[in-house]
Amino acid sequence: MSEEVAEYVFRVLQHSCNDGIRVSESWLAAGMQGLFAHRQFTAGEVVCHYVGMELRTTDALRLADKSYLMRLGPQVYVDARPCPLVKARFINDCINPAGWNVRFEKRPDLIPPQALVVAMRDIGPGEELFADYGKWYWTGSDVKPTRIPFAELHKRRELAKAESEEPSEEAGEKNGD
C-alpha cells in the first residue's frame, strides 16, 4: 500500500470511528497523553481502530522506535507512530488488570490490517482507556511502566463519573437559567 493510500485510509478511519473519544493528559503522569471516553461505551462495543503503516516482520524488527508497533499475526505488524490521526495510539497500559477497560482484537485479515479496540466493560465519559500491552512489550522497552493502584483508579473513575453527570453551563442557558 502506498503512503498516499495509507494516509487516506487513516483519515477515513479517524473520522469514521473516533467519535466519542478524545486525547487529553493521562492519569499516569503529568505531560503524558492518554485516550479518554467522551461518551458512554457498552461492553463489547468497538471504541476505535488501531491502524498504521503495515510492515512485515523483517521491516518491523529494523525499526529504531517500536513504541507504537503492534504485531497482528504472522508477518503482519502495524506501526501507528507515523500516523498522528490514529487516536488509538494514545491508549496506555496502567499495569493493573483492574484498570484495563479495553482490549485489542487483532484483525490481520482486514484491509487495512488493524486491531479493533473493544470495550471490556461499560465505560463512562471521562474515563481513560487502558489496555494490556502484554509482557513482551515491556520486556523490550526502555520505558519503565507506571502502575496505577486500584484505589487511585477507583477515585479517578468516580471523579470522571461525577463530572459527566454535572449539568453543563449550556444546558442551564437553554433552560433559561
C-alpha atoms as a PDB file:
ATOM      1  CA  MET A   1       0.000   0.000   0.000  1.00  0.00           C
ATOM      2  CA  SER A   2       1.441   3.406  -0.950  1.00  0.00           C
ATOM      3  CA  GLU A   3       1.892   6.086   1.710  1.00  0.00           C
ATOM      4  CA  GLU A   4      -0.742   8.253  -0.002  1.00  0.00           C
ATOM      5  CA  VAL A   5      -3.319   5.453   0.043  1.00  0.00           C
ATOM      6  CA  ALA A   6      -2.408   4.569   3.623  1.00  0.00           C
ATOM      7  CA  GLU A   7      -2.807   8.187   4.757  1.00  0.00           C
ATOM      8  CA  TYR A   8      -6.214   8.342   3.075  1.00  0.00           C
ATOM      9  CA  VAL A   9      -7.326   5.143   4.825  1.00  0.00           C
ATOM     10  CA  PHE A  10      -6.093   6.505   8.170  1.00  0.00           C
ATOM     11  CA  ARG A  11      -8.061   9.731   7.681  1.00  0.00           C
ATOM     12  CA  VAL A  12     -11.219   7.811   6.790  1.00  0.00           C
ATOM     13  CA  LEU A  13     -10.862   5.599   9.860  1.00  0.00           C
ATOM     14  CA  GLN A  14     -10.010   8.589  12.034  1.00  0.00           C
ATOM     15  CA  HIS A  15     -13.148  10.451  11.032  1.00  0.00           C
ATOM     16  CA  SER A  16     -15.482   7.460  10.921  1.00  0.00           C
ATOM     17  CA  CYS A  17     -14.516   5.786  14.171  1.00  0.00           C
ATOM     18  CA  ASN A  18     -13.137   8.368  16.562  1.00  0.00           C
ATOM     19  CA  ASP A  19     -16.473   9.750  17.700  1.00  0.00           C
ATOM     20  CA  GLY A  20     -16.770   9.682  21.435  1.00  0.00           C
ATOM     21  CA  ILE A  21     -13.052   9.687  22.268  1.00  0.00           C
ATOM     22  CA  ARG A  22     -10.542  12.457  22.915  1.00  0.00           C
ATOM     23  CA  VAL A  23      -6.854  12.813  23.663  1.00  0.00           C
ATOM     24  CA  SER A  24      -6.003  14.558  26.933  1.00  0.00           C
ATOM     25  CA  GLU A  25      -3.462  14.463  29.772  1.00  0.00           C
ATOM     26  CA  SER A  26      -3.136  10.892  31.042  1.00  0.00           C
ATOM     27  CA  TRP A  27      -3.920   9.741  34.559  1.00  0.00           C
ATOM     28  CA  LEU A  28      -0.500   8.043  34.507  1.00  0.00           C
ATOM     29  CA  ALA A  29       1.840  11.042  34.528  1.00  0.00           C
ATOM     30  CA  ALA A  30       1.841  14.792  34.010  1.00  0.00           C
ATOM     31  CA  GLY A  31       2.773  15.699  30.460  1.00  0.00           C
ATOM     32  CA  MET A  32       1.854  12.251  29.130  1.00  0.00           C
ATOM     33  CA  GLN A  33      -1.145  11.919  26.826  1.00  0.00           C
ATOM     34  CA  GLY A  34      -3.902   9.334  27.042  1.00  0.00           C
ATOM     35  CA  LEU A  35      -7.150   8.464  25.289  1.00  0.00           C
ATOM     36  CA  PHE A  36     -10.432   9.163  27.081  1.00  0.00           C
ATOM     37  CA  ALA A  37     -14.069   8.236  26.528  1.00  0.00           C
ATOM     38  CA  HIS A  38     -16.139  11.305  25.720  1.00  0.00           C
ATOM     39  CA  ARG A  39     -19.397   9.339  25.826  1.00  0.00           C
ATOM     40  CA  GLN A  40     -20.716   6.080  27.279  1.00  0.00           C
ATOM     41  CA  PHE A  41     -19.437   2.848  25.680  1.00  0.00           C
ATOM     42  CA  THR A  42     -21.039  -0.518  26.397  1.00  0.00           C
ATOM     43  CA  ALA A  43     -19.173  -3.786  26.927  1.00  0.00           C
ATOM     44  CA  GLY A  44     -18.324  -5.374  23.567  1.00  0.00           C
ATOM     45  CA  GLU A  45     -18.625  -2.116  21.610  1.00  0.00           C
ATOM     46  CA  VAL A  46     -15.833  -1.160  19.192  1.00  0.00           C
ATOM     47  CA  VAL A  47     -14.402   2.092  20.545  1.00  0.00           C
ATOM     48  CA  CYS A  48     -11.908   2.787  17.728  1.00  0.00           C
ATOM     49  CA  HIS A  49      -9.348   1.102  15.453  1.00  0.00           C
ATOM     50  CA  TYR A  50      -5.575   0.735  15.885  1.00  0.00           C
ATOM     51  CA  VAL A  51      -4.125   1.086  12.392  1.00  0.00           C
ATOM     52  CA  GLY A  52      -0.786   2.161  10.992  1.00  0.00           C
ATOM     53  CA  MET A  53       1.796   1.517   8.368  1.00  0.00           C
ATOM     54  CA  GLU A  54       1.705  -2.182   7.511  1.00  0.00           C
ATOM     55  CA  LEU A  55       5.043  -3.973   7.944  1.00  0.00           C
ATOM     56  CA  ARG A  56       6.430  -7.475   7.513  1.00  0.00           C
ATOM     57  CA  THR A  57       8.472  -8.985  10.347  1.00  0.00           C
ATOM     58  CA  THR A  58      11.895  -8.113   8.878  1.00  0.00           C
ATOM     59  CA  ASP A  59      10.913  -4.440   8.459  1.00  0.00           C
ATOM     60  CA  ALA A  60       9.287  -4.293  11.902  1.00  0.00           C
ATOM     61  CA  LEU A  61      12.430  -5.622  13.572  1.00  0.00           C
ATOM     62  CA  ARG A  62      14.540  -2.931  11.861  1.00  0.00           C
ATOM     63  CA  LEU A  63      12.548  -0.065  13.374  1.00  0.00           C
ATOM     64  CA  ALA A  64      14.549   2.043  15.820  1.00  0.00           C
ATOM     65  CA  ASP A  65      11.399   3.160  17.672  1.00  0.00           C
ATOM     66  CA  LYS A  66       8.984   0.294  18.287  1.00  0.00           C
ATOM     67  CA  SER A  67       6.810   2.136  20.819  1.00  0.00           C
ATOM     68  CA  TYR A  68       3.740   2.150  18.536  1.00  0.00           C
ATOM     69  CA  LEU A  69       4.399  -1.200  16.851  1.00  0.00           C
ATOM     70  CA  MET A  70       1.767  -3.931  17.201  1.00  0.00           C
ATOM     71  CA  ARG A  71       2.021  -7.499  15.944  1.00  0.00           C
ATOM     72  CA  LEU A  72      -1.297  -8.585  14.460  1.00  0.00           C
ATOM     73  CA  GLY A  73      -0.272 -12.035  13.269  1.00  0.00           C
ATOM     74  CA  PRO A  74       2.424 -13.941  11.379  1.00  0.00           C
ATOM     75  CA  GLN A  75       4.319 -11.488   9.150  1.00  0.00           C
ATOM     76  CA  VAL A  76       1.787  -8.703   9.890  1.00  0.00           C
ATOM     77  CA  TYR A  77       2.641  -5.659  12.024  1.00  0.00           C
ATOM     78  CA  VAL A  78       1.263  -2.138  12.118  1.00  0.00           C
ATOM     79  CA  ASP A  79       3.202   0.914  13.267  1.00  0.00           C
ATOM     80  CA  ALA A  80       0.986   3.853  14.314  1.00  0.00           C
ATOM     81  CA  ARG A  81       3.973   6.101  15.118  1.00  0.00           C
ATOM     82  CA  PRO A  82       3.865   7.949  11.767  1.00  0.00           C
ATOM     83  CA  CYS A  83       0.045   8.231  11.935  1.00  0.00           C
ATOM     84  CA  PRO A  84      -0.864  11.044  14.357  1.00  0.00           C
ATOM     85  CA  LEU A  85      -4.553  10.945  13.371  1.00  0.00           C
ATOM     86  CA  VAL A  86      -4.938   7.442  14.798  1.00  0.00           C
ATOM     87  CA  LYS A  87      -6.225   8.212  18.289  1.00  0.00           C
ATOM     88  CA  ALA A  88      -5.920   4.576  19.410  1.00  0.00           C
ATOM     89  CA  ARG A  89      -2.162   5.128  19.597  1.00  0.00           C
ATOM     90  CA  PHE A  90      -2.797   7.126  22.793  1.00  0.00           C
ATOM     91  CA  ILE A  91      -4.192   4.134  24.726  1.00  0.00           C
ATOM     92  CA  ASN A  92      -1.918   3.437  27.697  1.00  0.00           C
ATOM     93  CA  ASP A  93      -1.240   0.383  29.854  1.00  0.00           C
ATOM     94  CA  CYS A  94      -1.803   1.084  33.578  1.00  0.00           C
ATOM     95  CA  ILE A  95      -0.159  -2.264  34.514  1.00  0.00           C
ATOM     96  CA  ASN A  96      -3.198  -3.156  36.619  1.00  0.00           C
ATOM     97  CA  PRO A  97      -5.740  -5.740  35.378  1.00  0.00           C
ATOM     98  CA  ALA A  98      -8.427  -3.906  37.367  1.00  0.00           C
ATOM     99  CA  GLY A  99      -7.783  -0.852  35.191  1.00  0.00           C
ATOM    100  CA  TRP A 100      -7.885  -2.454  31.771  1.00  0.00           C
ATOM    101  CA  ASN A 101     -11.176  -1.429  30.187  1.00  0.00           C
ATOM    102  CA  VAL A 102     -10.423  -2.086  26.503  1.00  0.00           C
ATOM    103  CA  ARG A 103      -8.709  -4.904  24.637  1.00  0.00           C
ATOM    104  CA  PHE A 104      -7.121  -5.182  21.223  1.00  0.00           C
ATOM    105  CA  GLU A 105      -8.886  -7.625  18.906  1.00  0.00           C
ATOM    106  CA  LYS A 106      -6.185  -8.227  16.311  1.00  0.00           C
ATOM    107  CA  ARG A 107      -7.510  -8.500  12.751  1.00  0.00           C
ATOM    108  CA  PRO A 108      -4.715  -9.050  10.217  1.00  0.00           C
ATOM    109  CA  ASP A 109      -7.396 -10.224   7.765  1.00  0.00           C
ATOM    110  CA  LEU A 110      -8.992  -6.763   7.417  1.00  0.00           C
ATOM    111  CA  ILE A 111      -7.916  -4.150   4.887  1.00  0.00           C
ATOM    112  CA  PRO A 112      -6.023  -2.363   6.188  1.00  0.00           C
ATOM    113  CA  PRO A 113      -4.822  -4.811   8.856  1.00  0.00           C
ATOM    114  CA  GLN A 114      -5.787  -3.438  12.272  1.00  0.00           C
ATOM    115  CA  ALA A 115      -6.726  -4.107  15.860  1.00  0.00           C
ATOM    116  CA  LEU A 116     -10.257  -3.290  16.892  1.00  0.00           C
ATOM    117  CA  VAL A 117     -10.300  -1.565  20.273  1.00  0.00           C
ATOM    118  CA  VAL A 118     -13.179  -3.235  22.131  1.00  0.00           C
ATOM    119  CA  ALA A 119     -14.715  -2.180  25.458  1.00  0.00           C
ATOM    120  CA  MET A 120     -14.246  -4.944  28.056  1.00  0.00           C
ATOM    121  CA  ARG A 121     -16.928  -3.442  30.310  1.00  0.00           C
ATOM    122  CA  ASP A 122     -19.159  -0.392  30.284  1.00  0.00           C
ATOM    123  CA  ILE A 123     -17.000   2.740  30.136  1.00  0.00           C
ATOM    124  CA  GLY A 124     -18.270   6.129  31.250  1.00  0.00           C
ATOM    125  CA  PRO A 125     -17.482   9.581  29.885  1.00  0.00           C
ATOM    126  CA  GLY A 126     -14.227  10.954  31.253  1.00  0.00           C
ATOM    127  CA  GLU A 127     -12.581   7.554  31.837  1.00  0.00           C
ATOM    128  CA  GLU A 128      -9.121   6.980  30.427  1.00  0.00           C
ATOM    129  CA  LEU A 129      -8.844   3.938  28.167  1.00  0.00           C
ATOM    130  CA  PHE A 130      -6.312   1.332  29.311  1.00  0.00           C
ATOM    131  CA  ALA A 131      -5.275  -1.931  27.634  1.00  0.00           C
ATOM    132  CA  ASP A 132      -2.821  -4.711  28.434  1.00  0.00           C
ATOM    133  CA  TYR A 133       0.232  -4.248  26.204  1.00  0.00           C
ATOM    134  CA  GLY A 134       1.482  -7.706  27.125  1.00  0.00           C
ATOM    135  CA  LYS A 135       4.698  -8.827  28.790  1.00  0.00           C
ATOM    136  CA  TRP A 136       6.762  -8.764  25.567  1.00  0.00           C
ATOM    137  CA  TYR A 137       6.124  -5.052  25.058  1.00  0.00           C
ATOM    138  CA  TRP A 138       7.588  -4.170  28.436  1.00  0.00           C
ATOM    139  CA  THR A 139      10.427  -6.708  28.190  1.00  0.00           C
ATOM    140  CA  GLY A 140      11.807  -4.995  25.096  1.00  0.00           C
ATOM    141  CA  SER A 141      11.060  -1.409  26.170  1.00  0.00           C
ATOM    142  CA  ASP A 142      13.416   1.184  27.610  1.00  0.00           C
ATOM    143  CA  VAL A 143      10.407   2.839  29.275  1.00  0.00           C
ATOM    144  CA  LYS A 144       9.516   1.870  32.833  1.00  0.00           C
ATOM    145  CA  PRO A 145       5.785   1.118  33.138  1.00  0.00           C
ATOM    146  CA  THR A 146       3.655   3.165  35.535  1.00  0.00           C
ATOM    147  CA  ARG A 147       1.217   1.136  37.635  1.00  0.00           C
ATOM    148  CA  ILE A 148      -1.918   2.800  38.967  1.00  0.00           C
ATOM    149  CA  PRO A 149      -3.123   1.256  42.243  1.00  0.00           C
ATOM    150  CA  PHE A 150      -6.759   0.111  42.394  1.00  0.00           C
ATOM    151  CA  ALA A 151      -7.729   2.828  44.905  1.00  0.00           C
ATOM    152  CA  GLU A 152      -6.419   5.546  42.560  1.00  0.00           C
ATOM    153  CA  LEU A 153      -8.258   4.034  39.585  1.00  0.00           C
ATOM    154  CA  HIS A 154     -11.494   3.911  41.591  1.00  0.00           C
ATOM    155  CA  LYS A 155     -11.079   7.529  42.721  1.00  0.00           C
ATOM    156  CA  ARG A 156     -10.416   8.721  39.144  1.00  0.00           C
ATOM    157  CA  ARG A 157     -13.432   6.816  37.769  1.00  0.00           C
ATOM    158  CA  GLU A 158     -15.730   8.222  40.446  1.00  0.00           C
ATOM    159  CA  LEU A 159     -14.481  11.753  39.739  1.00  0.00           C
ATOM    160  CA  ALA A 160     -14.986  11.271  35.974  1.00  0.00           C
ATOM    161  CA  LYS A 161     -18.495   9.929  36.614  1.00  0.00           C
ATOM    162  CA  ALA A 162     -19.394  12.885  38.846  1.00  0.00           C
ATOM    163  CA  GLU A 163     -18.041  15.377  36.304  1.00  0.00           C
ATOM    164  CA  SER A 164     -20.004  13.762  33.465  1.00  0.00           C
ATOM    165  CA  GLU A 165     -23.223  13.956  35.497  1.00  0.00           C
ATOM    166  CA  GLU A 166     -22.868  17.684  36.276  1.00  0.00           C
ATOM    167  CA  PRO A 167     -25.211  19.824  34.172  1.00  0.00           C
ATOM    168  CA  SER A 168     -23.283  21.857  31.650  1.00  0.00           C
ATOM    169  CA  GLU A 169     -23.497  25.643  31.509  1.00  0.00           C
ATOM    170  CA  GLU A 170     -25.017  25.366  28.028  1.00  0.00           C
ATOM    171  CA  ALA A 171     -27.823  23.156  29.360  1.00  0.00           C
ATOM    172  CA  GLY A 172     -28.568  25.754  32.044  1.00  0.00           C
ATOM    173  CA  GLU A 173     -28.655  28.540  29.439  1.00  0.00           C
ATOM    174  CA  LYS A 174     -31.054  26.542  27.242  1.00  0.00           C
ATOM    175  CA  ASN A 175     -33.367  26.011  30.217  1.00  0.00           C
ATOM    176  CA  GLY A 176     -33.433  29.748  30.900  1.00  0.00           C
ATOM    177  CA  ASP A 177     -31.207  29.612  33.996  1.00  0.00           C
END
